[in-house]
Amino acid sequence: KAQACTPPAATPGEQQTRFDAFRTEFNDDRPHEALDQRMPSEFYERSTRPYPAHIDDPAYGSDDQVRRVRSSGEIKWRGEYRFIGEALVGEAVAVTEREDGHWLVRFADVPLVLIDRYSGKIARFTAGRPSGCKSNQPTSHQLSGI
């Protein structure tokens, strides 16, 4: 790993070239003791599992309001941008009002955040926005009544 990363290449393209060269050496050129001095490429078998070219959005119910996560990791909700997460950029998420009036944001059946009905602040089930990122909305880890 050190030979591919230390020091880092000047550009992403150059870094990818280093990674590709390392992968070739690791899999095709260098024997491995754990494999009885054989190469990993000797054991590789291409998967026969078909992968779809496109995966449909999750199916949400008629009571759900669907929003697509923007390139910033945010959705627009009631005129404000709310940070949901960069891992879901481009994905459709559902916003559903709970019995207590707060709004649950989820991806498929995975709950992501709650939007407080009074303040509009986000309560997270997981880690929040990485430090150093600007947010249009402050986050809160404690919401009363939730």
N, C-alpha and C. Protein backbone atom coordinates (compact mmCIF):
# COMPACT_ATOMS: atom_id res chain seq x y z
N LYS A 1 0.82 -1.19 0.00
CA LYS A 1 0.00 0.00 0.00
C LYS A 1 0.86 1.25 0.00
N ALA A 2 1.94 1.22 0.76
CA ALA A 2 2.78 2.41 0.86
C ALA A 2 3.34 2.80 -0.50
N GLN A 3 3.70 1.81 -1.33
CA GLN A 3 4.28 2.15 -2.62
C GLN A 3 3.26 2.83 -3.53
N ALA A 4 1.98 2.61 -3.31
CA ALA A 4 0.95 3.24 -4.13
C ALA A 4 0.52 4.60 -3.59
N CYS A 5 0.76 4.83 -2.31
CA CYS A 5 0.20 6.03 -1.67
C CYS A 5 1.21 6.99 -1.07
N THR A 6 2.45 6.59 -0.93
CA THR A 6 3.43 7.44 -0.26
C THR A 6 4.57 7.79 -1.19
N PRO A 7 4.74 9.04 -1.53
CA PRO A 7 3.80 10.14 -1.30
C PRO A 7 2.63 10.04 -2.26
N PRO A 8 1.53 10.73 -1.97
CA PRO A 8 0.39 10.70 -2.87
C PRO A 8 0.75 11.32 -4.22
N ALA A 9 0.11 10.86 -5.27
CA ALA A 9 0.33 11.42 -6.61
C ALA A 9 -0.25 12.83 -6.69
N ALA A 10 0.19 13.57 -7.68
CA ALA A 10 -0.22 14.96 -7.83
C ALA A 10 -1.66 15.10 -8.31
N THR A 11 -2.15 14.12 -9.06
CA THR A 11 -3.52 14.21 -9.59
C THR A 11 -4.26 12.91 -9.34
N PRO A 12 -5.59 12.94 -9.36
CA PRO A 12 -6.34 11.70 -9.20
C PRO A 12 -6.01 10.67 -10.29
N GLY A 13 -5.81 11.11 -11.50
CA GLY A 13 -5.46 10.20 -12.58
C GLY A 13 -4.14 9.48 -12.34
N GLU A 14 -3.13 10.23 -11.88
CA GLU A 14 -1.84 9.63 -11.56
C GLU A 14 -1.97 8.65 -10.39
N GLN A 15 -2.79 9.01 -9.41
CA GLN A 15 -2.98 8.12 -8.26
C GLN A 15 -3.67 6.83 -8.71
N GLN A 16 -4.65 6.94 -9.61
CA GLN A 16 -5.32 5.75 -10.10
C GLN A 16 -4.34 4.85 -10.85
N THR A 17 -3.43 5.44 -11.61
CA THR A 17 -2.41 4.66 -12.32
C THR A 17 -1.55 3.87 -11.33
N ARG A 18 -1.21 4.52 -10.21
CA ARG A 18 -0.44 3.82 -9.17
C ARG A 18 -1.23 2.66 -8.57
N PHE A 19 -2.51 2.90 -8.30
CA PHE A 19 -3.35 1.83 -7.75
C PHE A 19 -3.45 0.66 -8.72
N ASP A 20 -3.64 0.97 -10.00
CA ASP A 20 -3.76 -0.08 -11.02
C ASP A 20 -2.48 -0.91 -11.09
N ALA A 21 -1.33 -0.25 -11.05
CA ALA A 21 -0.05 -0.96 -11.11
C ALA A 21 0.12 -1.84 -9.87
N PHE A 22 -0.26 -1.33 -8.70
CA PHE A 22 -0.17 -2.12 -7.47
C PHE A 22 -1.08 -3.34 -7.55
N ARG A 23 -2.32 -3.14 -8.03
CA ARG A 23 -3.25 -4.26 -8.13
C ARG A 23 -2.71 -5.35 -9.06
N THR A 24 -2.14 -4.94 -10.19
CA THR A 24 -1.57 -5.92 -11.12
C THR A 24 -0.43 -6.69 -10.46
N GLU A 25 0.47 -5.98 -9.80
CA GLU A 25 1.59 -6.66 -9.13
C GLU A 25 1.08 -7.60 -8.05
N PHE A 26 0.15 -7.12 -7.24
CA PHE A 26 -0.37 -7.91 -6.11
C PHE A 26 -1.08 -9.17 -6.58
N ASN A 27 -1.89 -9.07 -7.64
CA ASN A 27 -2.71 -10.19 -8.08
C ASN A 27 -2.05 -11.10 -9.12
N ASP A 28 -1.15 -10.54 -9.95
CA ASP A 28 -0.63 -11.29 -11.09
C ASP A 28 0.87 -11.59 -11.04
N ASP A 29 1.64 -10.80 -10.32
CA ASP A 29 3.09 -10.91 -10.39
C ASP A 29 3.74 -11.48 -9.14
N ARG A 30 3.10 -11.31 -7.98
CA ARG A 30 3.75 -11.65 -6.73
C ARG A 30 3.08 -12.86 -6.08
N PRO A 31 3.82 -13.94 -5.86
CA PRO A 31 3.22 -15.10 -5.20
C PRO A 31 2.91 -14.80 -3.74
N HIS A 32 1.91 -15.51 -3.22
CA HIS A 32 1.48 -15.31 -1.84
C HIS A 32 1.70 -16.57 -1.04
N GLU A 33 2.32 -16.41 0.11
CA GLU A 33 2.60 -17.55 0.97
C GLU A 33 1.33 -18.28 1.36
N ALA A 34 0.26 -17.52 1.67
CA ALA A 34 -1.00 -18.13 2.10
C ALA A 34 -1.66 -18.92 0.98
N LEU A 35 -1.24 -18.69 -0.27
CA LEU A 35 -1.80 -19.41 -1.41
C LEU A 35 -0.81 -20.44 -1.96
N ASP A 36 0.09 -20.89 -1.12
CA ASP A 36 1.09 -21.88 -1.50
C ASP A 36 1.95 -21.36 -2.66
N GLN A 37 2.36 -20.10 -2.53
CA GLN A 37 3.22 -19.41 -3.50
C GLN A 37 2.57 -19.30 -4.89
N ARG A 38 1.25 -19.20 -4.89
CA ARG A 38 0.54 -18.98 -6.15
C ARG A 38 -0.02 -17.57 -6.16
N MET A 39 -0.47 -17.14 -7.34
CA MET A 39 -0.99 -15.78 -7.50
C MET A 39 -2.50 -15.76 -7.23
N PRO A 40 -3.00 -14.68 -6.64
CA PRO A 40 -4.46 -14.57 -6.43
C PRO A 40 -5.24 -14.68 -7.74
N SER A 41 -4.69 -14.19 -8.83
CA SER A 41 -5.42 -14.25 -10.10
C SER A 41 -5.68 -15.69 -10.55
N GLU A 42 -4.92 -16.64 -10.05
CA GLU A 42 -5.17 -18.04 -10.39
C GLU A 42 -6.47 -18.56 -9.78
N PHE A 43 -6.94 -17.90 -8.75
CA PHE A 43 -8.14 -18.35 -8.05
C PHE A 43 -9.39 -17.55 -8.40
N TYR A 44 -9.20 -16.48 -9.14
CA TYR A 44 -10.33 -15.59 -9.45
C TYR A 44 -11.28 -16.24 -10.43
N GLU A 45 -12.57 -16.13 -10.15
CA GLU A 45 -13.62 -16.56 -11.07
C GLU A 45 -14.61 -15.42 -11.22
N ARG A 46 -14.88 -15.06 -12.45
CA ARG A 46 -15.84 -13.99 -12.73
C ARG A 46 -17.22 -14.42 -12.25
N SER A 47 -17.93 -13.52 -11.63
CA SER A 47 -19.27 -13.82 -11.13
C SER A 47 -20.23 -14.07 -12.28
N THR A 48 -21.08 -15.05 -12.10
CA THR A 48 -22.12 -15.33 -13.09
C THR A 48 -23.42 -14.62 -12.74
N ARG A 49 -23.43 -13.95 -11.61
CA ARG A 49 -24.63 -13.24 -11.16
C ARG A 49 -24.88 -12.04 -12.05
N PRO A 50 -26.07 -11.92 -12.61
CA PRO A 50 -26.36 -10.75 -13.45
C PRO A 50 -26.64 -9.52 -12.58
N TYR A 51 -26.15 -8.41 -13.00
CA TYR A 51 -26.40 -7.16 -12.30
C TYR A 51 -27.21 -6.24 -13.21
N PRO A 52 -28.26 -5.64 -12.69
CA PRO A 52 -29.08 -4.76 -13.53
C PRO A 52 -28.33 -3.48 -13.89
N ALA A 53 -28.60 -2.97 -15.07
CA ALA A 53 -28.00 -1.71 -15.50
C ALA A 53 -28.59 -0.54 -14.73
N HIS A 54 -29.83 -0.70 -14.28
CA HIS A 54 -30.52 0.38 -13.56
C HIS A 54 -31.31 -0.23 -12.40
N ILE A 55 -31.27 0.42 -11.26
CA ILE A 55 -32.05 -0.02 -10.10
C ILE A 55 -33.14 1.02 -9.86
N ASP A 56 -34.37 0.58 -9.81
CA ASP A 56 -35.49 1.50 -9.61
C ASP A 56 -35.44 2.12 -8.22
N ASP A 57 -36.08 3.29 -8.08
CA ASP A 57 -36.23 3.92 -6.78
C ASP A 57 -37.07 3.02 -5.88
N PRO A 58 -36.88 3.13 -4.57
CA PRO A 58 -37.74 2.37 -3.65
C PRO A 58 -39.20 2.78 -3.85
N ALA A 59 -40.10 1.85 -3.61
CA ALA A 59 -41.54 2.15 -3.69
C ALA A 59 -41.98 2.75 -2.35
N TYR A 60 -42.55 3.93 -2.41
CA TYR A 60 -43.03 4.60 -1.20
C TYR A 60 -44.55 4.67 -1.24
N GLY A 61 -45.16 4.84 -0.07
CA GLY A 61 -46.62 4.87 0.05
C GLY A 61 -47.21 6.20 -0.37
N SER A 62 -48.54 6.20 -0.47
CA SER A 62 -49.25 7.41 -0.91
C SER A 62 -49.18 8.53 0.13
N ASP A 63 -48.93 8.20 1.39
CA ASP A 63 -48.81 9.23 2.44
C ASP A 63 -47.41 9.83 2.50
N ASP A 64 -46.47 9.24 1.78
CA ASP A 64 -45.09 9.72 1.79
C ASP A 64 -44.90 10.86 0.80
N GLN A 65 -44.08 11.81 1.20
CA GLN A 65 -43.66 12.85 0.27
C GLN A 65 -42.23 12.50 -0.14
N VAL A 66 -42.01 12.37 -1.43
CA VAL A 66 -40.73 11.90 -1.93
C VAL A 66 -39.88 13.09 -2.35
N ARG A 67 -38.61 13.06 -1.92
CA ARG A 67 -37.64 14.09 -2.30
C ARG A 67 -36.39 13.39 -2.81
N ARG A 68 -35.74 14.00 -3.80
CA ARG A 68 -34.48 13.47 -4.32
C ARG A 68 -33.35 14.21 -3.62
N VAL A 69 -32.36 13.47 -3.12
CA VAL A 69 -31.23 14.06 -2.40
C VAL A 69 -30.33 14.77 -3.41
N ARG A 70 -30.06 16.04 -3.16
CA ARG A 70 -29.26 16.87 -4.06
C ARG A 70 -27.77 16.54 -3.94
N SER A 71 -27.00 17.10 -4.85
CA SER A 71 -25.55 16.84 -4.87
C SER A 71 -24.87 17.31 -3.59
N SER A 72 -25.50 18.18 -2.84
CA SER A 72 -24.96 18.66 -1.56
C SER A 72 -25.31 17.72 -0.40
N GLY A 73 -26.12 16.68 -0.67
CA GLY A 73 -26.56 15.79 0.40
C GLY A 73 -27.81 16.29 1.10
N GLU A 74 -28.45 17.30 0.53
CA GLU A 74 -29.61 17.92 1.15
C GLU A 74 -30.88 17.63 0.37
N ILE A 75 -32.02 17.76 1.08
CA ILE A 75 -33.32 17.78 0.44
C ILE A 75 -33.94 19.13 0.75
N LYS A 76 -34.88 19.54 -0.08
CA LYS A 76 -35.62 20.75 0.22
C LYS A 76 -36.91 20.35 0.90
N TRP A 77 -37.12 20.90 2.09
CA TRP A 77 -38.31 20.56 2.86
C TRP A 77 -38.90 21.83 3.44
N ARG A 78 -40.12 22.13 3.03
CA ARG A 78 -40.85 23.31 3.49
C ARG A 78 -40.03 24.59 3.30
N GLY A 79 -39.42 24.71 2.12
CA GLY A 79 -38.70 25.92 1.75
C GLY A 79 -37.28 26.02 2.29
N GLU A 80 -36.84 25.03 3.03
CA GLU A 80 -35.50 25.02 3.61
C GLU A 80 -34.74 23.79 3.14
N TYR A 81 -33.41 23.91 3.10
CA TYR A 81 -32.57 22.76 2.77
C TYR A 81 -32.16 22.05 4.06
N ARG A 82 -32.34 20.74 4.07
CA ARG A 82 -32.01 19.91 5.22
C ARG A 82 -30.97 18.88 4.80
N PHE A 83 -29.85 18.83 5.53
CA PHE A 83 -28.79 17.88 5.19
C PHE A 83 -29.19 16.48 5.64
N ILE A 84 -29.22 15.55 4.69
CA ILE A 84 -29.58 14.17 4.97
C ILE A 84 -28.35 13.29 4.98
N GLY A 85 -27.52 13.41 3.94
CA GLY A 85 -26.29 12.63 3.87
C GLY A 85 -25.79 12.54 2.45
N GLU A 86 -24.48 12.64 2.30
CA GLU A 86 -23.88 12.61 0.97
C GLU A 86 -23.90 11.22 0.35
N ALA A 87 -24.02 10.18 1.15
CA ALA A 87 -24.07 8.82 0.61
C ALA A 87 -25.32 8.58 -0.23
N LEU A 88 -26.35 9.40 -0.05
CA LEU A 88 -27.61 9.20 -0.76
C LEU A 88 -27.83 10.19 -1.90
N VAL A 89 -26.79 10.88 -2.33
CA VAL A 89 -26.92 11.84 -3.43
C VAL A 89 -27.57 11.16 -4.62
N GLY A 90 -28.61 11.78 -5.15
CA GLY A 90 -29.31 11.26 -6.31
C GLY A 90 -30.42 10.29 -5.99
N GLU A 91 -30.52 9.84 -4.75
CA GLU A 91 -31.52 8.85 -4.37
C GLU A 91 -32.82 9.51 -3.91
N ALA A 92 -33.92 8.79 -4.07
CA ALA A 92 -35.22 9.26 -3.60
C ALA A 92 -35.41 8.82 -2.16
N VAL A 93 -35.79 9.76 -1.31
CA VAL A 93 -36.10 9.46 0.09
C VAL A 93 -37.54 9.87 0.35
N ALA A 94 -38.14 9.25 1.36
CA ALA A 94 -39.52 9.55 1.73
C ALA A 94 -39.54 10.37 3.01
N VAL A 95 -40.46 11.32 3.07
CA VAL A 95 -40.69 12.11 4.28
C VAL A 95 -42.12 11.81 4.70
N THR A 96 -42.27 11.30 5.92
CA THR A 96 -43.57 10.86 6.41
C THR A 96 -43.85 11.51 7.75
N GLU A 97 -45.05 12.08 7.90
CA GLU A 97 -45.42 12.66 9.19
C GLU A 97 -45.75 11.54 10.17
N ARG A 98 -45.17 11.63 11.36
CA ARG A 98 -45.45 10.66 12.41
C ARG A 98 -46.66 11.11 13.22
N GLU A 99 -47.14 10.25 14.10
CA GLU A 99 -48.30 10.58 14.94
C GLU A 99 -48.03 11.78 15.83
N ASP A 100 -46.75 11.96 16.25
CA ASP A 100 -46.41 13.08 17.12
C ASP A 100 -46.18 14.38 16.35
N GLY A 101 -46.34 14.35 15.03
CA GLY A 101 -46.21 15.56 14.22
C GLY A 101 -44.82 15.80 13.67
N HIS A 102 -43.83 15.07 14.15
CA HIS A 102 -42.48 15.20 13.62
C HIS A 102 -42.41 14.44 12.29
N TRP A 103 -41.42 14.77 11.48
CA TRP A 103 -41.30 14.18 10.15
C TRP A 103 -40.13 13.20 10.11
N LEU A 104 -40.39 11.97 9.69
CA LEU A 104 -39.38 10.94 9.56
C LEU A 104 -38.91 10.91 8.11
N VAL A 105 -37.60 11.00 7.91
CA VAL A 105 -37.01 10.86 6.58
C VAL A 105 -36.36 9.49 6.53
N ARG A 106 -36.67 8.73 5.48
CA ARG A 106 -36.10 7.40 5.37
C ARG A 106 -35.75 7.08 3.93
N PHE A 107 -34.80 6.15 3.77
CA PHE A 107 -34.47 5.59 2.47
C PHE A 107 -34.96 4.16 2.48
N ALA A 108 -35.93 3.84 1.61
CA ALA A 108 -36.61 2.55 1.62
C ALA A 108 -37.19 2.38 3.02
N ASP A 109 -36.78 1.35 3.77
CA ASP A 109 -37.31 1.16 5.11
C ASP A 109 -36.30 1.52 6.20
N VAL A 110 -35.24 2.27 5.81
CA VAL A 110 -34.19 2.64 6.76
C VAL A 110 -34.40 4.08 7.23
N PRO A 111 -34.71 4.27 8.52
CA PRO A 111 -34.88 5.64 9.03
C PRO A 111 -33.54 6.37 9.02
N LEU A 112 -33.57 7.63 8.56
CA LEU A 112 -32.35 8.42 8.47
C LEU A 112 -32.31 9.54 9.51
N VAL A 113 -33.32 10.39 9.51
CA VAL A 113 -33.37 11.53 10.43
C VAL A 113 -34.81 11.84 10.76
N LEU A 114 -34.98 12.63 11.82
CA LEU A 114 -36.28 13.22 12.15
C LEU A 114 -36.17 14.72 11.97
N ILE A 115 -37.21 15.32 11.42
CA ILE A 115 -37.29 16.78 11.33
C ILE A 115 -38.29 17.23 12.37
N ASP A 116 -37.83 18.05 13.31
CA ASP A 116 -38.67 18.55 14.39
C ASP A 116 -39.77 19.43 13.82
N ARG A 117 -41.01 19.17 14.19
CA ARG A 117 -42.14 19.93 13.64
C ARG A 117 -42.18 21.37 14.12
N TYR A 118 -41.55 21.66 15.26
CA TYR A 118 -41.57 23.02 15.80
C TYR A 118 -40.41 23.86 15.27
N SER A 119 -39.23 23.33 15.35
CA SER A 119 -38.03 24.12 15.01
C SER A 119 -37.51 23.83 13.61
N GLY A 120 -37.87 22.70 13.03
CA GLY A 120 -37.32 22.32 11.73
C GLY A 120 -35.93 21.74 11.82
N LYS A 121 -35.41 21.59 13.04
CA LYS A 121 -34.06 21.04 13.20
C LYS A 121 -34.06 19.53 13.00
N ILE A 122 -32.88 19.04 12.65
CA ILE A 122 -32.69 17.63 12.37
C ILE A 122 -32.21 16.89 13.62
N ALA A 123 -32.81 15.74 13.88
CA ALA A 123 -32.31 14.81 14.90
C ALA A 123 -31.83 13.59 14.14
N ARG A 124 -30.61 13.16 14.42
CA ARG A 124 -29.99 12.07 13.66
C ARG A 124 -30.02 10.75 14.40
N PHE A 125 -30.08 9.70 13.62
CA PHE A 125 -29.92 8.35 14.15
C PHE A 125 -28.46 7.93 14.03
N THR A 126 -27.68 8.67 13.20
CA THR A 126 -26.27 8.36 12.94
C THR A 126 -25.47 9.64 13.01
N ALA A 127 -24.19 9.56 12.63
CA ALA A 127 -23.31 10.73 12.66
C ALA A 127 -23.83 11.80 11.70
N GLY A 128 -23.57 13.04 12.02
CA GLY A 128 -24.02 14.16 11.21
C GLY A 128 -23.06 14.54 10.11
N ARG A 129 -23.26 15.73 9.60
CA ARG A 129 -22.44 16.26 8.52
C ARG A 129 -20.98 16.34 8.96
N PRO A 130 -20.05 15.97 8.09
CA PRO A 130 -18.63 16.05 8.45
C PRO A 130 -18.24 17.48 8.82
N SER A 131 -17.28 17.62 9.73
CA SER A 131 -16.83 18.95 10.11
C SER A 131 -16.19 19.63 8.92
N GLY A 132 -16.32 20.94 8.86
CA GLY A 132 -15.75 21.69 7.76
C GLY A 132 -16.75 21.94 6.64
N CYS A 133 -17.93 21.29 6.70
CA CYS A 133 -18.96 21.50 5.69
C CYS A 133 -19.94 22.54 6.19
N LYS A 134 -20.31 23.44 5.33
CA LYS A 134 -21.30 24.45 5.70
C LYS A 134 -22.68 23.86 5.53
N SER A 135 -23.55 24.17 6.43
CA SER A 135 -24.93 23.69 6.36
C SER A 135 -25.86 24.87 6.34
N ASN A 136 -26.95 24.74 5.62
CA ASN A 136 -27.96 25.79 5.61
C ASN A 136 -28.85 25.70 6.85
N GLN A 137 -28.72 24.59 7.58
CA GLN A 137 -29.58 24.37 8.73
C GLN A 137 -28.77 23.79 9.87
N PRO A 138 -28.80 24.43 11.06
CA PRO A 138 -28.11 23.82 12.20
C PRO A 138 -28.77 22.50 12.55
N THR A 139 -27.98 21.59 13.10
CA THR A 139 -28.52 20.30 13.51
C THR A 139 -28.62 20.23 15.02
N SER A 140 -29.51 19.39 15.46
CA SER A 140 -29.70 19.17 16.89
C SER A 140 -29.70 17.68 17.15
N HIS A 141 -29.03 17.26 18.19
CA HIS A 141 -29.01 15.85 18.54
C HIS A 141 -30.07 15.51 19.56
N GLN A 142 -30.68 16.50 20.15
CA GLN A 142 -31.74 16.27 21.14
C GLN A 142 -32.96 17.09 20.74
N LEU A 143 -34.06 16.45 20.52
CA LEU A 143 -35.32 17.14 20.27
C LEU A 143 -36.29 16.75 21.37
N SER A 144 -36.96 17.75 21.92
CA SER A 144 -37.89 17.45 23.00
C SER A 144 -39.04 16.61 22.46
N GLY A 145 -39.44 15.61 23.23
CA GLY A 145 -40.57 14.79 22.87
C GLY A 145 -40.27 13.69 21.88
N ILE A 146 -39.01 13.53 21.50
CA ILE A 146 -38.68 12.48 20.53
C ILE A 146 -37.89 11.39 21.22
